[in-house]
Amino acid sequence: MGQVGPGAGVRAAGKNGRPRSARLDAARALARAGLARAATPRDGGVLAAVDTEVGHRARALLQPAPRPHRVLTTVLIALIMAAALAAVGTERGTERRFEHARAVYVHRP
């Protein structure tokens, strides 16, 4: 599993001695692939996603990584837990009703 935190994605130093990040390497590779693709003739069998908005993708990779949405994650976990507890409560109530119905049916004359 990879690193998590401020130093995540930082790898060994590059040629100039500065640390290189995986995001920077990915942006460079994406830009090179876009330039190479632009230089080759296009045929109808190529996926359109390969040719679309390469510059926007590379710029997005060069920007800082988005911060995690801790509040949204906490709210989502709370909603999932509330739904699970409600499901368990409903199941127990239904089970009690069936047990009561069975007991009443068995004891009928």
Protein backbone atom coordinates (compact mmCIF):
# COMPACT_ATOMS: atom_id res chain seq x y z
CA MET A 1 0.00 0.00 0.00
CA GLY A 2 1.33 3.47 -0.85
CA GLN A 3 2.19 6.39 1.36
CA VAL A 4 -0.49 8.73 2.62
CA GLY A 5 0.20 12.26 3.76
CA PRO A 6 2.24 15.31 2.78
CA GLY A 7 5.14 13.31 1.33
CA ALA A 8 2.95 10.93 -0.65
CA GLY A 9 3.99 10.46 -4.25
CA VAL A 10 7.51 11.90 -3.80
CA ARG A 11 10.19 9.71 -5.29
CA ALA A 12 13.94 9.82 -5.67
CA ALA A 13 15.64 13.00 -6.84
CA GLY A 14 15.73 13.75 -10.54
CA LYS A 15 18.71 14.88 -12.62
CA ASN A 16 18.72 18.32 -11.02
CA GLY A 17 18.63 16.94 -7.45
CA ARG A 18 15.03 18.00 -6.71
CA PRO A 19 12.49 15.39 -5.65
CA ARG A 20 10.23 14.11 -8.41
CA SER A 21 6.60 13.27 -7.87
CA ALA A 22 4.53 10.60 -9.54
CA ARG A 23 2.00 13.27 -10.56
CA LEU A 24 4.70 15.26 -12.38
CA ASP A 25 5.94 12.13 -14.14
CA ALA A 26 2.38 11.23 -15.14
CA ALA A 27 1.75 14.74 -16.49
CA ARG A 28 4.95 14.62 -18.54
CA ALA A 29 4.11 11.18 -19.91
CA LEU A 30 0.59 12.30 -20.78
CA ALA A 31 1.87 15.41 -22.55
CA ARG A 32 4.43 13.37 -24.51
CA ALA A 33 1.78 10.84 -25.51
CA GLY A 34 -0.52 13.65 -26.65
CA LEU A 35 2.23 15.22 -28.75
CA ALA A 36 3.15 11.85 -30.24
CA ARG A 37 -0.48 11.11 -31.02
CA ALA A 38 -0.92 14.54 -32.64
CA ALA A 39 2.08 13.85 -34.91
CA THR A 40 0.71 10.55 -36.23
CA PRO A 41 -2.05 10.18 -38.82
CA ARG A 42 -5.46 9.38 -37.37
CA ASP A 43 -7.55 6.43 -38.37
CA GLY A 44 -11.16 5.70 -37.51
CA GLY A 45 -10.38 2.84 -35.12
CA VAL A 46 -8.74 4.90 -32.38
CA LEU A 47 -10.59 5.63 -29.17
CA ALA A 48 -11.70 9.24 -29.01
CA ALA A 49 -10.67 9.46 -25.34
CA VAL A 50 -7.01 9.23 -26.37
CA ASP A 51 -7.23 12.50 -28.30
CA THR A 52 -9.45 14.56 -26.01
CA GLU A 53 -8.31 17.28 -23.63
CA VAL A 54 -4.76 16.06 -23.05
CA GLY A 55 -3.67 19.56 -22.05
CA HIS A 56 -6.40 19.83 -19.40
CA ARG A 57 -5.45 16.45 -17.96
CA ALA A 58 -1.76 17.35 -17.81
CA ARG A 59 -2.51 20.70 -16.13
CA ALA A 60 -4.77 18.97 -13.58
CA LEU A 61 -1.93 16.58 -12.73
CA LEU A 62 0.50 19.49 -12.29
CA GLN A 63 -1.78 21.25 -9.79
CA PRO A 64 -1.67 20.20 -6.13
CA ALA A 65 -3.65 17.09 -5.30
CA PRO A 66 -7.14 17.82 -4.00
CA ARG A 67 -7.57 17.73 -0.23
CA PRO A 68 -9.67 14.92 1.18
CA HIS A 69 -13.27 15.81 2.05
CA ARG A 70 -13.24 14.76 5.70
CA VAL A 71 -16.62 16.28 6.60
CA LEU A 72 -18.33 14.69 3.61
CA THR A 73 -16.71 11.34 4.38
CA THR A 74 -17.81 11.54 8.02
CA VAL A 75 -21.38 12.40 7.04
CA LEU A 76 -21.46 9.56 4.52
CA ILE A 77 -20.19 7.04 7.09
CA ALA A 78 -22.78 8.30 9.62
CA LEU A 79 -25.58 7.88 7.06
CA ILE A 80 -24.45 4.36 6.22
CA MET A 81 -24.30 3.44 9.91
CA ALA A 82 -27.78 4.94 10.52
CA ALA A 83 -29.19 2.96 7.58
CA ALA A 84 -27.57 -0.24 8.86
CA LEU A 85 -28.94 0.31 12.38
CA ALA A 86 -32.39 1.05 10.97
CA ALA A 87 -32.26 -2.16 8.91
CA VAL A 88 -31.27 -4.19 11.99
CA GLY A 89 -34.05 -2.58 14.04
CA THR A 90 -36.61 -3.30 11.33
CA GLU A 91 -35.44 -6.90 11.06
CA ARG A 92 -35.75 -7.43 14.82
CA GLY A 93 -39.21 -5.87 14.92
CA THR A 94 -40.37 -8.03 12.02
CA GLU A 95 -38.92 -11.13 13.66
CA ARG A 96 -40.80 -10.33 16.91
CA ARG A 97 -44.06 -9.93 14.98
CA PHE A 98 -43.61 -13.27 13.23
CA GLU A 99 -42.74 -15.00 16.52
CA HIS A 100 -45.81 -13.48 18.16
CA ALA A 101 -48.03 -14.50 15.22
CA ARG A 102 -46.66 -18.06 15.36
CA ALA A 103 -47.24 -18.26 19.12
CA VAL A 104 -50.82 -17.04 18.75
CA TYR A 105 -51.50 -19.44 15.85
CA VAL A 106 -50.05 -22.48 17.71
CA HIS A 107 -52.10 -21.82 20.86
CA ARG A 108 -55.44 -21.46 19.08
CA PRO A 109 -57.96 -24.16 19.95
